[in-house]
Amino acid sequence: MTPACRYQPGYNIGFGLFGGFAPLLAEASLEWSPYGPGLLLSLAGFVTVVTIVGSVHLLEHGKVLGKNWFVKTSGHSAVNMSTKDNIGPGMET
């Protein structure tokens, strides 16, 4: 986990809710079908792919604010994890 994610309550709450209830949902889905846990994981993967593709599409068309990490600038990748933009509040070095 990066230092910027460590202090974001939305990330921590989401991780606790979805990660904490995953075993309960997996066991409950066994009552529907023996393939229940696999279907749940496949559904979660599908939602992830749709979200990533949708966000890249929106970034390419300028519909959301933020950095486009998928654009190459002057022959180098635009991804730079050492910038101050990726450091959370109170984490300046």
C-alpha atoms as a PDB file:
ATOM      1  CA  MET A   1       0.000   0.000   0.000  1.00  0.00           C
ATOM      2  CA  THR A   2       1.343   3.393  -0.933  1.00  0.00           C
ATOM      3  CA  PRO A   3       1.602   6.150   1.700  1.00  0.00           C
ATOM      4  CA  ALA A   4      -1.067   8.163  -0.137  1.00  0.00           C
ATOM      5  CA  CYS A   5      -3.604   5.312   0.176  1.00  0.00           C
ATOM      6  CA  ARG A   6      -2.834   4.715   3.835  1.00  0.00           C
ATOM      7  CA  TYR A   7      -4.720   7.803   5.010  1.00  0.00           C
ATOM      8  CA  GLN A   8      -7.777   7.698   2.752  1.00  0.00           C
ATOM      9  CA  PRO A   9     -10.819   6.597   4.775  1.00  0.00           C
ATOM     10  CA  GLY A  10     -12.832   5.651   1.672  1.00  0.00           C
ATOM     11  CA  TYR A  11     -10.212   3.115   0.661  1.00  0.00           C
ATOM     12  CA  ASN A  12      -9.974   1.641   4.143  1.00  0.00           C
ATOM     13  CA  ILE A  13     -13.747   1.424   4.634  1.00  0.00           C
ATOM     14  CA  GLY A  14     -14.256  -0.138   1.198  1.00  0.00           C
ATOM     15  CA  PHE A  15     -11.467  -2.634   1.777  1.00  0.00           C
ATOM     16  CA  GLY A  16     -12.926  -3.595   5.148  1.00  0.00           C
ATOM     17  CA  LEU A  17     -16.474  -3.985   3.851  1.00  0.00           C
ATOM     18  CA  PHE A  18     -15.770  -5.865   0.648  1.00  0.00           C
ATOM     19  CA  GLY A  19     -12.765  -7.796   1.895  1.00  0.00           C
ATOM     20  CA  GLY A  20     -14.393  -8.580   5.227  1.00  0.00           C
ATOM     21  CA  PHE A  21     -17.626  -9.914   3.785  1.00  0.00           C
ATOM     22  CA  ALA A  22     -16.046 -11.886   0.930  1.00  0.00           C
ATOM     23  CA  PRO A  23     -15.783 -15.193   2.866  1.00  0.00           C
ATOM     24  CA  LEU A  24     -19.384 -14.829   4.068  1.00  0.00           C
ATOM     25  CA  LEU A  25     -20.643 -14.227   0.525  1.00  0.00           C
ATOM     26  CA  ALA A  26     -18.528 -17.068  -0.855  1.00  0.00           C
ATOM     27  CA  GLU A  27     -19.960 -19.535   1.653  1.00  0.00           C
ATOM     28  CA  ALA A  28     -23.521 -18.286   1.166  1.00  0.00           C
ATOM     29  CA  SER A  29     -23.174 -18.616  -2.618  1.00  0.00           C
ATOM     30  CA  LEU A  30     -22.451 -22.319  -2.206  1.00  0.00           C
ATOM     31  CA  GLU A  31     -26.152 -22.777  -1.409  1.00  0.00           C
ATOM     32  CA  TRP A  32     -27.061 -21.489  -4.895  1.00  0.00           C
ATOM     33  CA  SER A  33     -24.500 -23.463  -6.847  1.00  0.00           C
ATOM     34  CA  PRO A  34     -21.231 -25.318  -6.298  1.00  0.00           C
ATOM     35  CA  TYR A  35     -19.748 -22.753  -8.704  1.00  0.00           C
ATOM     36  CA  GLY A  36     -20.986 -19.818  -6.596  1.00  0.00           C
ATOM     37  CA  PRO A  37     -17.631 -18.538  -5.279  1.00  0.00           C
ATOM     38  CA  GLY A  38     -16.068 -18.751  -8.739  1.00  0.00           C
ATOM     39  CA  LEU A  39     -18.997 -16.878 -10.249  1.00  0.00           C
ATOM     40  CA  LEU A  40     -18.693 -14.152  -7.617  1.00  0.00           C
ATOM     41  CA  LEU A  41     -14.979 -13.734  -8.319  1.00  0.00           C
ATOM     42  CA  SER A  42     -15.654 -13.658 -12.063  1.00  0.00           C
ATOM     43  CA  LEU A  43     -18.302 -10.994 -11.544  1.00  0.00           C
ATOM     44  CA  ALA A  44     -15.893  -8.922  -9.441  1.00  0.00           C
ATOM     45  CA  GLY A  45     -13.236  -9.224 -12.160  1.00  0.00           C
ATOM     46  CA  PHE A  46     -15.735  -8.160 -14.818  1.00  0.00           C
ATOM     47  CA  VAL A  47     -16.749  -5.097 -12.789  1.00  0.00           C
ATOM     48  CA  THR A  48     -13.061  -4.203 -12.408  1.00  0.00           C
ATOM     49  CA  VAL A  49     -12.403  -4.469 -16.155  1.00  0.00           C
ATOM     50  CA  VAL A  50     -15.478  -2.371 -17.006  1.00  0.00           C
ATOM     51  CA  THR A  51     -14.411   0.272 -14.478  1.00  0.00           C
ATOM     52  CA  ILE A  52     -10.858   0.490 -15.828  1.00  0.00           C
ATOM     53  CA  VAL A  53     -11.948   0.618 -19.470  1.00  0.00           C
ATOM     54  CA  GLY A  54     -14.588   3.236 -18.636  1.00  0.00           C
ATOM     55  CA  SER A  55     -12.172   5.426 -16.699  1.00  0.00           C
ATOM     56  CA  VAL A  56      -9.549   5.289 -19.461  1.00  0.00           C
ATOM     57  CA  HIS A  57     -12.243   6.224 -21.987  1.00  0.00           C
ATOM     58  CA  LEU A  58     -13.367   9.174 -19.854  1.00  0.00           C
ATOM     59  CA  LEU A  59      -9.771  10.336 -19.325  1.00  0.00           C
ATOM     60  CA  GLU A  60      -9.044  10.196 -23.049  1.00  0.00           C
ATOM     61  CA  HIS A  61     -12.072  12.345 -23.807  1.00  0.00           C
ATOM     62  CA  GLY A  62     -11.377  14.858 -21.024  1.00  0.00           C
ATOM     63  CA  LYS A  63     -14.559  14.076 -19.104  1.00  0.00           C
ATOM     64  CA  VAL A  64     -12.834  13.779 -15.723  1.00  0.00           C
ATOM     65  CA  LEU A  65     -10.118  15.820 -14.095  1.00  0.00           C
ATOM     66  CA  GLY A  66      -6.890  14.120 -13.284  1.00  0.00           C
ATOM     67  CA  LYS A  67      -3.652  12.982 -14.763  1.00  0.00           C
ATOM     68  CA  ASN A  68      -3.720  10.685 -17.728  1.00  0.00           C
ATOM     69  CA  TRP A  69      -1.153   8.089 -16.696  1.00  0.00           C
ATOM     70  CA  PHE A  70      -1.487   6.260 -20.004  1.00  0.00           C
ATOM     71  CA  VAL A  71      -0.066   9.014 -22.219  1.00  0.00           C
ATOM     72  CA  LYS A  72       3.583   8.909 -23.195  1.00  0.00           C
ATOM     73  CA  THR A  73       5.388  12.218 -23.179  1.00  0.00           C
ATOM     74  CA  SER A  74       8.628  12.796 -25.101  1.00  0.00           C
ATOM     75  CA  GLY A  75       9.407   9.101 -25.408  1.00  0.00           C
ATOM     76  CA  HIS A  76       9.134   8.403 -21.682  1.00  0.00           C
ATOM     77  CA  SER A  77       6.194   7.038 -19.783  1.00  0.00           C
ATOM     78  CA  ALA A  78       4.222   9.687 -17.907  1.00  0.00           C
ATOM     79  CA  VAL A  79       4.109   7.497 -14.802  1.00  0.00           C
ATOM     80  CA  ASN A  80       6.302   8.928 -12.090  1.00  0.00           C
ATOM     81  CA  MET A  81       5.551   7.747  -8.583  1.00  0.00           C
ATOM     82  CA  SER A  82       8.129  10.026  -6.971  1.00  0.00           C
ATOM     83  CA  THR A  83       6.333  13.331  -7.637  1.00  0.00           C
ATOM     84  CA  LYS A  84       4.782  15.360  -4.860  1.00  0.00           C
ATOM     85  CA  ASP A  85       1.373  14.892  -6.543  1.00  0.00           C
ATOM     86  CA  ASN A  86       1.328  11.303  -5.277  1.00  0.00           C
ATOM     87  CA  ILE A  87       2.067  12.180  -1.659  1.00  0.00           C
ATOM     88  CA  GLY A  88      -0.864  12.524   0.702  1.00  0.00           C
ATOM     89  CA  PRO A  89      -1.488  15.467   3.032  1.00  0.00           C
ATOM     90  CA  GLY A  90       1.119  15.806   5.736  1.00  0.00           C
ATOM     91  CA  MET A  91       3.446  13.404   3.923  1.00  0.00           C
ATOM     92  CA  GLU A  92       5.793  15.954   2.330  1.00  0.00           C
ATOM     93  CA  THR A  93       9.405  14.894   2.361  1.00  0.00           C
END
